[in-house]
Amino acid sequence: MQSQRFAVEFERRTVGIAVRVPGGFMFFASSDEFEAIDGRLFPRARALERELKKAARNRRRKSRARGTRRQVITQGAI
């Protein structure tokens, strides 16, 4: 049996590949942004899509929080 591989795109860019395996799809990230879900097995492509969205939201929240801390530090130094 030939393995099925698919490029995974998120927000118009390729972020990894999904390989069809018994039990679903194994995700391999090509972007550091999604390393948290690299190597995970997803029962369906929709489950992978949900996790990509969740990982992107979490990363954005962390970025915003770091930006807020930098502003506070900068303002405190003045």
C-alpha atoms as a PDB file:
ATOM      1  CA  MET A   1       0.000   0.000   0.000  1.00  0.00           C
ATOM      2  CA  GLN A   2       1.306   3.420  -0.924  1.00  0.00           C
ATOM      3  CA  SER A   3       1.318   6.061   1.804  1.00  0.00           C
ATOM      4  CA  GLN A   4      -0.764   9.147   1.267  1.00  0.00           C
ATOM      5  CA  ARG A   5       0.930  12.450   2.060  1.00  0.00           C
ATOM      6  CA  PHE A   6      -0.608  15.891   1.955  1.00  0.00           C
ATOM      7  CA  ALA A   7       0.863  19.357   2.218  1.00  0.00           C
ATOM      8  CA  VAL A   8      -0.790  21.206   5.097  1.00  0.00           C
ATOM      9  CA  GLU A   9      -1.488  24.877   4.503  1.00  0.00           C
ATOM     10  CA  PHE A  10      -2.579  27.387   7.104  1.00  0.00           C
ATOM     11  CA  GLU A  11      -3.209  31.059   6.440  1.00  0.00           C
ATOM     12  CA  ARG A  12      -1.927  30.728   2.862  1.00  0.00           C
ATOM     13  CA  ARG A  13       1.402  29.095   3.695  1.00  0.00           C
ATOM     14  CA  THR A  14       2.672  25.562   3.950  1.00  0.00           C
ATOM     15  CA  VAL A  15       3.241  24.637   7.600  1.00  0.00           C
ATOM     16  CA  GLY A  16       3.866  20.899   7.342  1.00  0.00           C
ATOM     17  CA  ILE A  17       2.701  17.590   5.962  1.00  0.00           C
ATOM     18  CA  ALA A  18       0.073  15.087   7.039  1.00  0.00           C
ATOM     19  CA  VAL A  19       0.675  11.402   6.401  1.00  0.00           C
ATOM     20  CA  ARG A  20      -2.225   8.964   6.347  1.00  0.00           C
ATOM     21  CA  VAL A  21      -1.534   6.213   8.891  1.00  0.00           C
ATOM     22  CA  PRO A  22      -3.739   3.635  10.578  1.00  0.00           C
ATOM     23  CA  GLY A  23      -5.954   5.642  12.913  1.00  0.00           C
ATOM     24  CA  GLY A  24      -5.810   8.973  11.093  1.00  0.00           C
ATOM     25  CA  PHE A  25      -3.206  11.516  10.050  1.00  0.00           C
ATOM     26  CA  MET A  26       0.263  12.069  11.504  1.00  0.00           C
ATOM     27  CA  PHE A  27       1.307  15.731  11.328  1.00  0.00           C
ATOM     28  CA  PHE A  28       4.916  16.794  10.743  1.00  0.00           C
ATOM     29  CA  ALA A  29       5.523  20.525  11.143  1.00  0.00           C
ATOM     30  CA  SER A  30       7.840  22.438   8.830  1.00  0.00           C
ATOM     31  CA  SER A  31       7.284  25.649  10.785  1.00  0.00           C
ATOM     32  CA  ASP A  32       8.474  26.309  14.343  1.00  0.00           C
ATOM     33  CA  GLU A  33       5.126  27.951  14.975  1.00  0.00           C
ATOM     34  CA  PHE A  34       3.485  24.510  15.044  1.00  0.00           C
ATOM     35  CA  GLU A  35       6.174  22.456  16.781  1.00  0.00           C
ATOM     36  CA  ALA A  36       3.788  21.907  19.709  1.00  0.00           C
ATOM     37  CA  ILE A  37       1.665  19.582  17.558  1.00  0.00           C
ATOM     38  CA  ASP A  38       4.517  18.069  15.534  1.00  0.00           C
ATOM     39  CA  GLY A  39       4.335  14.270  15.493  1.00  0.00           C
ATOM     40  CA  ARG A  40       0.788  14.079  16.812  1.00  0.00           C
ATOM     41  CA  LEU A  41      -1.815  11.719  15.426  1.00  0.00           C
ATOM     42  CA  PHE A  42      -5.166  13.216  14.467  1.00  0.00           C
ATOM     43  CA  PRO A  43      -8.177  10.978  13.795  1.00  0.00           C
ATOM     44  CA  ARG A  44      -9.494  13.291  11.059  1.00  0.00           C
ATOM     45  CA  ALA A  45      -8.229  16.197   8.974  1.00  0.00           C
ATOM     46  CA  ARG A  46     -10.757  18.480  10.718  1.00  0.00           C
ATOM     47  CA  ALA A  47      -9.162  17.703  14.081  1.00  0.00           C
ATOM     48  CA  LEU A  48      -5.779  18.748  12.682  1.00  0.00           C
ATOM     49  CA  GLU A  49      -7.300  21.956  11.335  1.00  0.00           C
ATOM     50  CA  ARG A  50      -8.764  22.797  14.774  1.00  0.00           C
ATOM     51  CA  GLU A  51      -5.388  22.260  16.451  1.00  0.00           C
ATOM     52  CA  LEU A  52      -3.618  24.466  13.902  1.00  0.00           C
ATOM     53  CA  LYS A  53      -6.077  27.268  14.676  1.00  0.00           C
ATOM     54  CA  LYS A  54      -5.665  26.756  18.423  1.00  0.00           C
ATOM     55  CA  ALA A  55      -1.852  26.757  18.190  1.00  0.00           C
ATOM     56  CA  ALA A  56      -1.904  29.963  16.121  1.00  0.00           C
ATOM     57  CA  ARG A  57      -4.241  31.671  18.636  1.00  0.00           C
ATOM     58  CA  ASN A  58      -2.029  30.637  21.559  1.00  0.00           C
ATOM     59  CA  ARG A  59       1.081  31.899  19.796  1.00  0.00           C
ATOM     60  CA  ARG A  60      -0.591  35.258  19.060  1.00  0.00           C
ATOM     61  CA  ARG A  61      -1.656  35.622  22.700  1.00  0.00           C
ATOM     62  CA  LYS A  62       1.897  34.960  23.885  1.00  0.00           C
ATOM     63  CA  SER A  63       3.272  37.483  21.384  1.00  0.00           C
ATOM     64  CA  ARG A  64       0.829  40.135  22.558  1.00  0.00           C
ATOM     65  CA  ALA A  65       1.657  39.432  26.206  1.00  0.00           C
ATOM     66  CA  ARG A  66       5.383  39.823  25.508  1.00  0.00           C
ATOM     67  CA  GLY A  67       4.710  43.081  23.666  1.00  0.00           C
ATOM     68  CA  THR A  68       2.745  44.413  26.652  1.00  0.00           C
ATOM     69  CA  ARG A  69       5.564  43.513  29.050  1.00  0.00           C
ATOM     70  CA  ARG A  70       8.102  45.274  26.821  1.00  0.00           C
ATOM     71  CA  GLN A  71       5.974  48.416  26.794  1.00  0.00           C
ATOM     72  CA  VAL A  72       5.689  48.396  30.572  1.00  0.00           C
ATOM     73  CA  ILE A  73       9.442  47.919  31.002  1.00  0.00           C
ATOM     74  CA  THR A  74      10.183  50.688  28.506  1.00  0.00           C
ATOM     75  CA  GLN A  75       7.722  53.083  30.119  1.00  0.00           C
ATOM     76  CA  GLY A  76       9.096  52.330  33.563  1.00  0.00           C
ATOM     77  CA  ALA A  77      12.623  53.187  32.440  1.00  0.00           C
ATOM     78  CA  ILE A  78      11.683  56.709  31.344  1.00  0.00           C
END
